[in-house]
Protein backbone atom coordinates (compact mmCIF):
# COMPACT_ATOMS: atom_id res chain seq x y z
CA MET A 1 -1.34 -4.58 -15.06
CA GLU A 2 2.28 -2.63 -14.41
CA GLN A 3 4.04 -3.68 -11.26
CA LYS A 4 7.05 -2.55 -9.50
CA ARG A 5 8.58 -1.45 -6.26
CA LEU A 6 9.31 2.51 -6.04
CA GLU A 7 12.92 3.24 -6.06
CA GLU A 8 12.95 5.40 -3.14
CA GLY A 9 12.83 3.53 0.00
CA GLY A 10 11.00 0.37 -1.41
CA ARG A 11 8.14 1.34 0.86
CA ALA A 12 5.03 -0.39 -1.55
CA GLU A 13 4.85 -2.75 -3.87
CA VAL A 14 2.80 -0.37 -6.85
CA GLN A 15 0.71 -1.62 -9.01
CA ILE A 16 -1.06 0.97 -11.73
CA ARG A 17 -3.91 -0.50 -14.24
CA LYS A 18 -6.58 0.99 -16.44
CA ALA A 19 -9.69 1.40 -14.25
CA GLY A 20 -13.12 -0.02 -16.08
CA PRO A 21 -16.75 0.91 -14.58
CA GLU A 22 -16.26 -1.98 -11.51
CA ASP A 23 -13.84 0.40 -10.59
CA VAL A 24 -15.86 3.66 -9.66
CA ARG A 25 -16.44 2.25 -6.02
CA GLU A 26 -12.53 1.59 -5.26
CA LEU A 27 -12.17 5.79 -5.98
CA GLU A 28 -14.91 6.72 -2.96
CA GLU A 29 -11.90 6.81 -0.40
CA LEU A 30 -9.74 8.81 -2.49
CA VAL A 31 -12.87 10.92 -2.94
CA ARG A 32 -13.40 11.64 0.10
CA GLU A 33 -9.65 12.16 1.16
CA SER A 34 -9.57 14.83 -1.41
CA GLU A 35 -12.65 16.56 -0.64
CA GLU A 36 -11.05 16.83 3.23
CA GLU A 37 -7.81 18.61 1.40
CA GLY A 38 -10.88 21.18 -0.35
CA PHE A 39 -10.45 19.60 -3.53
CA ARG A 40 -13.36 18.73 -6.05
CA HIS A 41 -12.03 17.27 -9.10
CA LEU A 42 -11.84 13.83 -7.24
CA ARG A 43 -15.88 13.90 -7.06
CA ARG A 44 -16.47 15.36 -10.06
CA LEU A 45 -14.42 12.71 -11.61
CA ALA A 46 -16.72 10.16 -9.84
CA ASP A 47 -19.88 11.98 -11.09
CA ASP A 48 -18.87 12.08 -14.43
CA TYR A 49 -17.67 8.80 -15.02
CA ALA A 50 -21.50 6.99 -13.33
CA SER A 51 -23.09 9.62 -15.60
CA GLY A 52 -21.34 8.51 -18.46
CA GLU A 53 -20.05 12.45 -18.95
CA ASN A 54 -16.31 10.81 -19.02
CA ARG A 55 -15.33 7.40 -19.62
CA PHE A 56 -11.84 8.38 -20.57
CA ASP A 57 -13.14 5.24 -23.47
CA ARG A 58 -12.28 7.26 -26.61
CA GLU A 59 -9.23 6.59 -28.71
CA GLY A 60 -5.94 7.44 -26.99
CA GLU A 61 -7.94 7.60 -23.65
CA VAL A 62 -7.12 6.48 -20.21
CA LEU A 63 -7.50 6.44 -16.57
CA LEU A 64 -5.30 4.78 -14.66
CA LEU A 65 -5.76 3.57 -10.75
CA VAL A 66 -2.57 3.24 -8.96
CA TYR A 67 -2.53 0.74 -5.69
CA ALA A 68 0.05 0.73 -3.23
CA ASP A 69 -0.22 -2.73 -1.10
CA GLY A 70 -3.27 -3.85 -2.20
CA SER A 71 -5.10 -0.44 -1.48
CA PRO A 72 -6.13 2.23 -3.76
CA ALA A 73 -3.36 5.26 -3.72
CA GLY A 74 -3.67 7.17 -7.04
CA VAL A 75 -6.20 8.43 -9.63
CA CYS A 76 -5.18 9.73 -13.42
CA GLY A 77 -6.61 10.45 -16.64
CA LEU A 78 -6.25 11.33 -20.01
CA ASN A 79 -8.49 12.77 -22.56
CA ARG A 80 -8.48 13.72 -25.40
CA ILE A 81 -8.93 17.51 -26.32
CA PRO A 82 -11.96 18.16 -28.39
CA GLY A 83 -10.76 19.97 -32.24
CA ASP A 84 -7.09 19.21 -31.23
CA ALA A 85 -6.27 15.85 -32.62
CA ALA A 86 -2.56 16.35 -31.52
CA ALA A 87 -3.21 17.26 -28.24
CA GLY A 88 -4.26 14.97 -25.02
CA ARG A 89 -5.23 16.67 -21.25
CA VAL A 90 -3.49 15.34 -18.04
CA ARG A 91 -6.94 15.12 -15.69
CA ARG A 92 -7.86 14.53 -12.51
CA MET A 93 -4.56 13.52 -10.77
CA TYR A 94 -5.18 12.86 -7.28
CA VAL A 95 -2.54 10.75 -4.97
CA ARG A 96 -3.32 9.80 -1.15
CA ARG A 97 -1.83 12.24 1.50
CA ASP A 98 -0.37 9.80 3.30
CA LEU A 99 1.70 8.51 0.17
CA ARG A 100 3.05 11.81 -1.50
CA ARG A 101 6.55 12.03 -2.27
CA CYS A 102 7.46 8.73 -2.55
CA GLY A 103 7.42 7.86 -6.42
CA ILE A 104 4.02 7.13 -6.06
CA GLY A 105 2.83 10.30 -8.29
CA ARG A 106 5.65 10.28 -10.66
CA ALA A 107 4.64 7.05 -11.61
CA LEU A 108 0.92 7.34 -12.56
CA LEU A 109 2.12 10.31 -14.28
CA GLN A 110 4.85 8.03 -16.67
CA ALA A 111 2.21 5.35 -16.89
CA VAL A 112 -0.56 7.73 -18.28
CA MET A 113 2.32 9.69 -20.83
CA GLU A 114 3.59 6.14 -21.61
CA ARG A 115 -0.14 5.87 -23.03
CA ALA A 116 -0.19 8.79 -24.66
CA ARG A 117 2.77 9.23 -26.47
CA PRO A 118 1.58 6.98 -29.70
CA HIS A 119 -1.49 9.48 -29.99
CA PHE A 120 -0.68 12.81 -29.29
CA ALA A 121 2.27 15.20 -29.73
CA ARG A 122 1.51 17.55 -26.46
CA LEU A 123 0.09 17.06 -23.53
CA GLU A 124 -1.56 19.86 -21.51
CA LEU A 125 -3.47 20.40 -17.90
CA ARG A 126 -4.63 22.70 -15.45
CA THR A 127 -3.51 22.97 -12.16
CA ASP A 128 -4.23 26.22 -9.24
CA SER A 129 -1.68 24.03 -6.76
CA PRO A 130 1.58 25.49 -6.45
CA ALA A 131 2.90 21.91 -5.40
CA ALA A 132 0.98 20.16 -8.26
CA GLY A 133 2.85 22.56 -10.74
CA ASP A 134 5.95 22.29 -9.19
CA PHE A 135 5.77 18.51 -9.49
CA TYR A 136 4.97 18.82 -13.56
CA THR A 137 7.75 21.15 -13.91
CA ALA A 138 10.09 18.90 -12.32
CA ALA A 139 8.18 15.80 -14.55
CA GLY A 140 9.45 17.84 -17.46
CA PHE A 141 6.25 19.95 -18.39
CA ARG A 142 6.52 23.98 -18.76
CA GLN A 143 4.40 26.62 -17.83
CA ALA A 144 2.35 27.76 -20.68
CA ALA A 145 1.54 31.40 -20.66
CA GLY A 146 -1.35 33.14 -22.29
CA ARG A 147 -4.17 30.27 -22.11
CA GLU A 148 -6.99 30.27 -18.51
CA ASP A 149 -7.23 26.70 -19.49
CA VAL A 150 -3.97 25.16 -19.38
CA THR A 151 -1.15 25.57 -16.60
CA HIS A 152 1.56 23.66 -18.53
CA LEU A 153 2.63 21.44 -21.63
CA TYR A 154 4.54 19.15 -22.36
CA GLU A 155 6.01 18.42 -25.54
CA TRP A 156 7.59 15.40 -27.16
CA MET A 157 10.43 15.77 -29.21
CA GLU A 158 9.69 14.03 -33.21
CA GLU A 159 12.38 11.45 -32.35
CA GLU A 160 10.47 10.54 -28.95
CA GLN A 161 7.43 10.16 -30.88
CA SER A 162 6.46 6.39 -31.74
């Protein structure tokens, strides 16, 4: 489990850890809040995980939960892209409304990217939220053109690959 205090204001003790089957119940609070905001992606995450359709358990995959002061604060997953061994897909990122813009999302995305790096040459994702698009661009992703299923890409330079 990674643990750190946020740089911006030192507001919360943050812990990031790999999620397992026992953690799905912890997502319910986040699912409920995300649905109140009109998002459906966390309900799909919880349903797919419960059914076994997507457990983030293939080589290179991970589902991370972030906790702030011991409470679930966010989630983000990483999947392999079928038919493209060089690419991973950032999936189902969500941070609690009251904890946005304080570094938790950045820490969570950074943890996912660190885990992706040994397995993938690039990351892809899709978002329809302009605010999320700005977040990913600020994190070093570039906007993707010409693909409906991908809005943002991140490619490591060869010297960055480990």
